[in-house]
Protein backbone atom coordinates (compact mmCIF):
# COMPACT_ATOMS: atom_id res chain seq x y z
CA MET A 1 148.90 92.05 97.73
CA THR A 2 150.08 94.03 100.71
CA ARG A 3 151.59 92.26 103.68
CA ASN A 4 149.87 92.05 107.06
CA ALA A 5 150.95 94.20 109.99
CA SER A 6 151.92 91.06 111.88
CA GLU A 7 154.39 90.14 109.12
CA ILE A 8 155.97 93.59 109.31
CA TYR A 9 156.14 93.25 113.10
CA ASP A 10 157.96 89.92 112.71
CA ASP A 11 160.36 91.45 110.16
CA LEU A 12 161.18 94.35 112.48
CA LYS A 13 161.98 91.92 115.30
CA ALA A 14 164.15 89.86 112.94
CA LEU A 15 166.00 92.99 111.75
CA ALA A 16 166.70 94.04 115.33
CA ASN A 17 168.04 90.57 116.10
CA GLU A 18 170.25 90.59 112.99
CA LEU A 19 171.65 94.01 113.83
CA GLU A 20 172.33 92.94 117.40
CA ASP A 21 174.07 89.77 116.19
CA LEU A 22 176.28 91.73 113.79
CA ALA A 23 177.21 94.14 116.56
CA LYS A 24 178.06 91.32 118.97
CA THR A 25 180.40 89.71 116.45
CA GLY A 26 182.17 93.02 115.81
CA ARG A 27 181.31 93.01 112.13
CA LEU A 28 179.88 96.53 112.12
CA THR A 29 181.95 99.65 111.67
CA MET A 30 181.10 103.21 110.82
CA SER A 31 182.29 105.09 107.79
CA THR A 32 185.22 107.36 108.60
CA ASP A 33 184.82 109.76 105.70
CA SER A 34 183.88 113.41 106.11
CA TRP A 35 180.21 112.76 105.28
CA ASN A 36 179.54 110.78 108.45
CA LYS A 37 179.34 113.47 111.10
CA ASP A 38 176.29 112.11 112.96
CA TYR A 39 177.37 108.57 113.85
CA PRO A 40 181.14 108.19 114.17
CA ASP A 41 180.86 105.72 117.06
CA THR A 42 179.62 102.24 116.14
CA LYS A 43 178.24 101.38 119.59
CA GLN A 44 176.23 104.61 119.73
CA ALA A 45 174.90 104.10 116.20
CA VAL A 46 173.85 100.51 116.89
CA SER A 47 172.23 101.56 120.15
CA GLN A 48 170.23 104.30 118.43
CA ALA A 49 169.22 102.03 115.56
CA LEU A 50 168.06 99.32 117.97
CA ALA A 51 166.12 101.89 120.00
CA ALA A 52 164.38 103.12 116.86
CA LEU A 53 163.54 99.57 115.82
CA GLN A 54 162.18 98.90 119.31
CA VAL A 55 159.83 101.88 118.99
CA ALA A 56 158.58 100.48 115.68
CA ILE A 57 158.24 96.99 117.18
CA ASN A 58 156.25 98.34 120.12
CA ALA A 59 153.91 100.28 117.83
CA THR A 60 153.32 97.51 115.28
CA CYS A 61 152.65 95.02 118.06
CA TRP A 62 149.20 96.61 118.41
CA MET A 63 148.39 96.94 114.73
CA GLU A 64 145.89 94.75 112.95
CA THR A 65 145.30 94.47 109.22
CA LEU A 66 141.75 94.82 107.97
CA PRO A 67 140.62 92.63 105.08
CA GLU A 68 140.67 94.17 101.64
CA THR A 69 137.38 95.69 100.59
CA GLU A 70 135.51 95.12 97.37
CA ALA A 71 134.94 98.02 95.01
CA THR A 72 131.49 99.53 95.57
CA GLY A 73 131.29 101.86 92.58
CA THR A 74 128.13 101.91 90.51
CA LYS A 75 129.79 102.53 87.15
CA PRO A 76 131.46 99.55 85.41
CA GLU A 77 134.89 101.25 85.47
CA GLN A 78 134.57 101.66 89.26
CA ARG A 79 133.96 97.97 89.93
CA GLY A 80 136.78 95.51 90.63
């Protein structure tokens, strides 16, 4: 079964809190290899990640999950 939108909303809030907590304790650092050209600064990366999560939190706040529907097919193989 698929989760409800409200559960995803709660998970997004929890992820944002976890990321913020890790940043506050100084346990986050960015990779220093040549592949990481976009986010060399940890504070900037955390800030952008939290901003993106906040956009998702704001959007999912207004989502509702409809109940699952029953199959309405007329052939036996189309029925649930």
